[in-house]
Protein backbone atom coordinates (compact mmCIF):
# COMPACT_ATOMS: atom_id res chain seq x y z
CA MET A 1 104.61 -96.65 -89.19
CA GLY A 2 105.08 -100.38 -88.46
CA LEU A 3 106.10 -99.34 -84.59
CA ALA A 4 103.40 -97.00 -84.25
CA ASN A 5 100.55 -99.57 -85.51
CA LYS A 6 102.03 -102.27 -83.23
CA THR A 7 102.18 -100.36 -80.34
CA ASN A 8 99.07 -98.08 -80.66
CA ILE A 9 101.25 -95.07 -80.14
CA LYS A 10 100.80 -92.11 -82.44
CA ILE A 11 103.83 -91.73 -84.76
CA GLU A 12 104.14 -88.36 -83.79
CA ILE A 13 105.11 -89.39 -80.00
CA LEU A 14 107.56 -92.18 -81.51
CA GLU A 15 109.08 -89.84 -83.66
CA ASP A 16 109.83 -87.12 -80.87
CA ILE A 17 111.25 -90.20 -78.84
CA GLU A 18 113.55 -91.31 -81.63
CA SER A 19 114.29 -87.47 -81.94
CA GLY A 20 114.97 -87.00 -78.25
CA LYS A 21 112.73 -84.15 -77.91
CA GLU A 22 110.76 -86.92 -75.75
CA LEU A 23 113.14 -87.85 -73.39
CA PHE A 24 110.90 -90.07 -70.68
CA LEU A 25 108.71 -92.94 -71.55
CA SER A 26 105.37 -93.56 -69.34
CA VAL A 27 105.22 -96.93 -68.40
CA THR A 28 102.63 -98.05 -70.51
CA GLN A 29 104.62 -96.77 -73.33
CA ARG A 30 107.79 -98.49 -72.49
CA GLN A 31 105.71 -101.61 -71.75
CA GLN A 32 103.89 -101.84 -75.42
CA ILE A 33 107.34 -100.85 -76.98
CA ALA A 34 109.21 -103.36 -75.19
CA ARG A 35 106.60 -106.10 -76.54
CA VAL A 36 106.34 -105.09 -79.90
CA LEU A 37 110.89 -105.02 -79.70
CA LYS A 38 110.76 -108.51 -77.80
CA CYS A 39 112.87 -107.20 -74.56
CA SER A 40 112.21 -105.94 -71.35
CA PRO A 41 111.36 -102.78 -70.38
CA LYS A 42 114.19 -102.47 -68.06
CA GLU A 43 116.35 -102.88 -71.55
CA LEU A 44 114.55 -99.59 -72.37
CA LYS A 45 114.63 -97.62 -69.40
CA LYS A 46 118.32 -97.88 -69.42
CA TYR A 47 118.09 -95.92 -72.93
CA GLU A 48 116.29 -92.80 -71.17
CA ARG A 49 118.01 -90.05 -70.60
CA GLU A 50 118.87 -89.29 -66.65
CA TYR A 51 119.27 -84.97 -65.95
CA GLU A 52 119.72 -83.35 -62.65
CA PHE A 53 116.70 -80.69 -63.25
CA GLU A 54 117.81 -77.07 -63.10
CA ILE A 55 114.67 -74.46 -61.96
CA VAL A 56 113.78 -71.87 -64.30
CA SER A 57 111.96 -69.55 -62.72
CA ASP A 58 108.37 -68.38 -63.67
CA ASP A 59 109.30 -65.24 -64.75
CA SER A 60 111.65 -66.42 -67.26
CA ILE A 61 109.33 -68.72 -68.41
CA GLU A 62 106.71 -65.79 -69.10
CA GLU A 63 109.27 -63.47 -70.72
CA LEU A 64 109.82 -66.29 -72.98
CA LYS A 65 106.30 -66.85 -73.69
CA ARG A 66 105.70 -63.20 -74.46
CA LYS A 67 108.75 -63.50 -76.78
CA ILE A 68 107.37 -66.13 -78.57
CA LEU A 69 103.69 -64.99 -78.74
CA ASN A 70 105.37 -61.53 -80.07
CA ARG A 71 107.11 -64.12 -83.16
CA GLU A 72 110.81 -63.16 -82.10
CA THR A 73 113.77 -65.45 -83.06
CA ASN A 74 117.00 -66.91 -82.24
CA LEU A 75 115.45 -67.88 -78.75
CA ARG A 76 117.96 -69.60 -76.57
CA CYS A 77 117.15 -72.53 -73.78
CA PRO A 78 117.31 -70.95 -70.31
CA MET A 79 118.86 -74.16 -69.10
CA CYS A 80 121.67 -74.62 -71.47
CA GLY A 81 121.30 -71.79 -73.68
CA GLU A 82 121.15 -73.52 -77.13
CA PRO A 83 118.24 -72.83 -79.53
CA LEU A 84 114.88 -73.73 -78.68
CA ILE A 85 112.34 -74.76 -81.47
CA THR A 86 109.44 -72.58 -80.82
CA ARG A 87 105.68 -72.51 -82.17
CA ILE A 88 102.54 -70.89 -81.49
CA ALA A 89 99.49 -73.31 -80.89
CA LYS A 90 96.09 -72.11 -81.82
CA MET A 91 93.62 -73.47 -79.32
CA TYR A 92 89.73 -71.99 -78.61
CA ASP A 93 87.82 -72.09 -75.58
CA LEU A 94 84.70 -73.06 -74.42
CA GLU A 95 82.94 -70.07 -75.74
CA ASP A 96 85.01 -70.68 -79.21
CA ASN A 97 87.39 -67.66 -78.84
CA LEU A 98 90.86 -68.26 -79.88
CA VAL A 99 93.48 -68.92 -77.68
CA LEU A 100 97.42 -68.44 -78.88
CA GLU A 101 99.58 -71.00 -76.76
CA PRO A 102 102.94 -70.59 -76.88
CA LYS A 103 105.13 -73.74 -77.32
CA ALA A 104 108.63 -74.45 -76.79
CA HIS A 105 111.64 -77.17 -76.62
CA CYS A 106 114.94 -77.22 -76.58
CA VAL A 107 117.32 -79.07 -79.21
CA LYS A 108 119.85 -80.29 -76.49
CA CYS A 109 118.15 -80.67 -73.21
CA ILE A 110 114.84 -81.53 -71.40
CA PHE A 111 113.47 -77.56 -71.28
CA GLN A 112 109.65 -77.49 -72.94
CA ILE A 113 106.79 -75.23 -72.52
CA LYS A 114 103.91 -77.33 -73.21
């Protein structure tokens, strides 16, 4: 909680960074964390993960979204085959209609459906 207060970065974002869900920091986040930790932003940058990006087809992503909305379980990442953590975000449009948005992220690689 102390780092979150000192950097003005939400605790949830810091938890995602620590757990590996969020793999890349924005320049501002990197600068804020470096200032508090008394190191250079370049030092933090070397700990960020480097990945070669594999393109996942739009059809695959749409199929995954459909499965998430149908509450299917044991879904796998289309990039690495590891388990996906999924959820359905409940949002409202401008006319106050409920909109369900499927969300997912891989437990191992950078794949996400935001």
